C-alpha atoms as a PDB file:
ATOM      1  CA  MET A   1     -16.473 -24.682  22.370  1.00  0.00           C
ATOM      2  CA  ALA A   2     -16.369 -24.255  18.604  1.00  0.00           C
ATOM      3  CA  LYS A   3     -19.091 -25.951  16.701  1.00  0.00           C
ATOM      4  CA  LEU A   4     -17.472 -28.455  14.288  1.00  0.00           C
ATOM      5  CA  ASP A   5     -20.512 -30.500  13.441  1.00  0.00           C
ATOM      6  CA  GLU A   6     -21.217 -28.187  10.468  1.00  0.00           C
ATOM      7  CA  PRO A   7     -18.800 -27.796   7.504  1.00  0.00           C
ATOM      8  CA  ILE A   8     -16.541 -24.771   7.682  1.00  0.00           C
ATOM      9  CA  GLU A   9     -16.901 -22.828   4.556  1.00  0.00           C
ATOM     10  CA  ARG A  10     -16.283 -19.142   5.576  1.00  0.00           C
ATOM     11  CA  PHE A  11     -12.753 -17.929   6.298  1.00  0.00           C
ATOM     12  CA  ALA A  12     -14.108 -15.963   9.424  1.00  0.00           C
ATOM     13  CA  ASP A  13     -15.521 -19.341  10.809  1.00  0.00           C
ATOM     14  CA  ALA A  14     -12.103 -21.079  10.286  1.00  0.00           C
ATOM     15  CA  CYS A  15     -10.552 -18.209  12.134  1.00  0.00           C
ATOM     16  CA  LYS A  16     -12.874 -18.500  15.001  1.00  0.00           C
ATOM     17  CA  VAL A  17     -12.125 -22.196  15.421  1.00  0.00           C
ATOM     18  CA  ALA A  18      -8.478 -21.630  15.177  1.00  0.00           C
ATOM     19  CA  ASP A  19      -8.657 -18.884  17.783  1.00  0.00           C
ATOM     20  CA  GLU A  20     -10.464 -21.061  20.174  1.00  0.00           C
ATOM     21  CA  PHE A  21      -7.866 -23.913  19.980  1.00  0.00           C
ATOM     22  CA  PHE A  22      -4.694 -22.022  19.368  1.00  0.00           C
ATOM     23  CA  GLY A  23      -5.125 -18.522  20.692  1.00  0.00           C
ATOM     24  CA  LYS A  24      -4.827 -15.175  18.781  1.00  0.00           C
ATOM     25  CA  ALA A  25      -3.304 -15.314  15.355  1.00  0.00           C
ATOM     26  CA  ARG A  26      -0.661 -13.032  13.999  1.00  0.00           C
ATOM     27  CA  GLN A  27      -1.057 -11.572  10.570  1.00  0.00           C
ATOM     28  CA  SER A  28       1.687 -12.024   7.898  1.00  0.00           C
ATOM     29  CA  GLY A  29       0.645 -10.484   4.572  1.00  0.00           C
ATOM     30  CA  SER A  30      -2.498 -12.093   3.403  1.00  0.00           C
ATOM     31  CA  HIS A  31      -2.200 -15.160   5.766  1.00  0.00           C
ATOM     32  CA  LYS A  32      -3.217 -15.351   9.464  1.00  0.00           C
ATOM     33  CA  ILE A  33      -0.677 -17.659  11.337  1.00  0.00           C
ATOM     34  CA  TRP A  34      -1.389 -19.426  14.550  1.00  0.00           C
ATOM     35  CA  LYS A  35       1.373 -20.752  16.847  1.00  0.00           C
ATOM     36  CA  MET A  36       1.117 -24.452  17.240  1.00  0.00           C
ATOM     37  CA  PRO A  37       2.063 -26.193  20.429  1.00  0.00           C
ATOM     38  CA  TRP A  38       4.197 -28.579  18.352  1.00  0.00           C
ATOM     39  CA  ALA A  39       6.785 -28.365  15.607  1.00  0.00           C
ATOM     40  CA  GLY A  40       5.874 -29.168  12.104  1.00  0.00           C
ATOM     41  CA  ASP A  41       2.609 -30.284  10.520  1.00  0.00           C
ATOM     42  CA  PRO A  42      -0.394 -29.854  10.804  1.00  0.00           C
ATOM     43  CA  ARG A  43       0.063 -26.085  10.616  1.00  0.00           C
ATOM     44  CA  VAL A  44      -2.596 -23.544  10.551  1.00  0.00           C
ATOM     45  CA  ASN A  45      -2.025 -20.533   8.411  1.00  0.00           C
ATOM     46  CA  PRO A  46      -5.143 -20.013   6.214  1.00  0.00           C
ATOM     47  CA  GLN A  47      -5.621 -17.347   3.565  1.00  0.00           C
ATOM     48  CA  GLU A  48      -8.952 -15.951   2.750  1.00  0.00           C
ATOM     49  CA  GLY A  49     -10.240 -17.180  -0.632  1.00  0.00           C
ATOM     50  CA  SER A  50     -12.600 -15.381  -3.043  1.00  0.00           C
ATOM     51  CA  GLY A  51     -15.902 -14.309  -1.673  1.00  0.00           C
ATOM     52  CA  GLY A  52     -14.730 -14.642   1.891  1.00  0.00           C
ATOM     53  CA  LYS A  53     -14.559 -18.401   1.719  1.00  0.00           C
ATOM     54  CA  ALA A  54     -11.976 -20.645   3.355  1.00  0.00           C
ATOM     55  CA  LYS A  55      -9.776 -22.660   1.101  1.00  0.00           C
ATOM     56  CA  SER A  56     -10.777 -26.333   1.412  1.00  0.00           C
ATOM     57  CA  TYR A  57      -7.227 -27.795   1.877  1.00  0.00           C
ATOM     58  CA  GLN A  58      -6.499 -25.265   4.637  1.00  0.00           C
ATOM     59  CA  VAL A  59      -9.778 -26.145   6.426  1.00  0.00           C
ATOM     60  CA  GLN A  60      -8.542 -29.864   6.267  1.00  0.00           C
ATOM     61  CA  GLN A  61      -5.302 -28.766   7.820  1.00  0.00           C
ATOM     62  CA  LEU A  62      -7.158 -26.833  10.507  1.00  0.00           C
ATOM     63  CA  LEU A  63      -9.397 -29.748  11.302  1.00  0.00           C
ATOM     64  CA  ALA A  64      -6.249 -32.034  11.530  1.00  0.00           C
ATOM     65  CA  ALA A  65      -4.648 -29.635  13.930  1.00  0.00           C
ATOM     66  CA  VAL A  66      -7.810 -29.466  16.094  1.00  0.00           C
ATOM     67  CA  ASP A  67      -7.958 -33.275  16.198  1.00  0.00           C
ATOM     68  CA  ARG A  68      -4.344 -33.393  17.312  1.00  0.00           C
ATOM     69  CA  ARG A  69      -4.844 -30.697  19.926  1.00  0.00           C
ATOM     70  CA  ARG A  70      -7.997 -32.424  21.248  1.00  0.00           C
ATOM     71  CA  ALA A  71      -6.127 -35.700  21.590  1.00  0.00           C
ATOM     72  CA  GLU A  72      -3.270 -33.989  23.394  1.00  0.00           C
ATOM     73  CA  LEU A  73      -5.690 -32.336  25.831  1.00  0.00           C
ATOM     74  CA  ALA A  74      -7.519 -35.561  26.437  1.00  0.00           C
ATOM     75  CA  LYS A  75      -4.300 -37.373  27.136  1.00  0.00           C
ATOM     76  CA  ALA A  76      -3.127 -34.603  29.513  1.00  0.00           C
ATOM     77  CA  ALA A  77      -6.515 -34.770  31.378  1.00  0.00           C
ATOM     78  CA  GLU A  78      -6.276 -38.455  31.737  1.00  0.00           C
ATOM     79  CA  GLU A  79      -2.685 -38.301  33.017  1.00  0.00           C
ATOM     80  CA  ALA A  80      -3.765 -35.682  35.602  1.00  0.00           C
ATOM     81  CA  LYS A  81      -6.680 -37.820  36.733  1.00  0.00           C
ATOM     82  CA  ALA A  82      -4.382 -40.849  37.040  1.00  0.00           C
ATOM     83  CA  ALA A  83      -1.867 -38.855  38.974  1.00  0.00           C
ATOM     84  CA  ALA A  84      -4.521 -37.477  41.405  1.00  0.00           C
ATOM     85  CA  GLN A  85      -5.879 -40.992  41.970  1.00  0.00           C
ATOM     86  CA  LYS A  86      -2.359 -42.259  42.737  1.00  0.00           C
ATOM     87  CA  THR A  87      -1.824 -39.343  45.219  1.00  0.00           C
ATOM     88  CA  GLU A  88      -5.088 -40.087  46.931  1.00  0.00           C
ATOM     89  CA  THR A  89      -4.355 -43.783  47.133  1.00  0.00           C
ATOM     90  CA  GLU A  90      -0.847 -43.139  48.630  1.00  0.00           C
ATOM     91  CA  SER A  91      -2.346 -40.729  51.187  1.00  0.00           C
ATOM     92  CA  VAL A  92      -4.913 -43.304  52.315  1.00  0.00           C
ATOM     93  CA  THR A  93      -2.183 -45.974  52.471  1.00  0.00           C
ATOM     94  CA  LYS A  94      -0.050 -43.676  54.663  1.00  0.00           C
ATOM     95  CA  LYS A  95      -2.957 -43.003  57.099  1.00  0.00           C
ATOM     96  CA  THR A  96      -3.819 -46.738  57.316  1.00  0.00           C
ATOM     97  CA  THR A  97      -0.082 -47.511  57.981  1.00  0.00           C
ATOM     98  CA  LYS A  98       0.034 -44.904  60.861  1.00  0.00           C
ATOM     99  CA  LYS A  99      -3.051 -46.249  62.469  1.00  0.00           C
ATOM    100  CA  LYS A 100      -1.769 -49.869  62.405  1.00  0.00           C
ATOM    101  CA  GLY A 101       1.544 -48.619  63.876  1.00  0.00           C
ATOM    102  CA  LYS A 102      -0.356 -47.058  66.854  1.00  0.00           C
ATOM    103  CA  ARG A 103      -2.193 -50.164  67.720  1.00  0.00           C
ATOM    104  CA  SER A 104       0.871 -52.369  68.199  1.00  0.00           C
END
């Protein structure tokens, strides 16, 4: 997982973080563009600044996109866990119902 506990200053570091969360970028002129799993903002399409540094407003956009992606992944994991628990509960209920039916 990408380290986000340190500030992102270098363009290459911003690209590594974006690659990890959004896959490989495509190049369009001087910008790298990542495909977002949603329409609209936040978008990730940074351009290398002077001295190999990332532009601060683009780093902020990247971090907003990462936050949104993490929230979506956490929600999906939570929903999958709830669905698995529901399936397990239904399975146990059916087994219990079958056993009670045999005793009668």
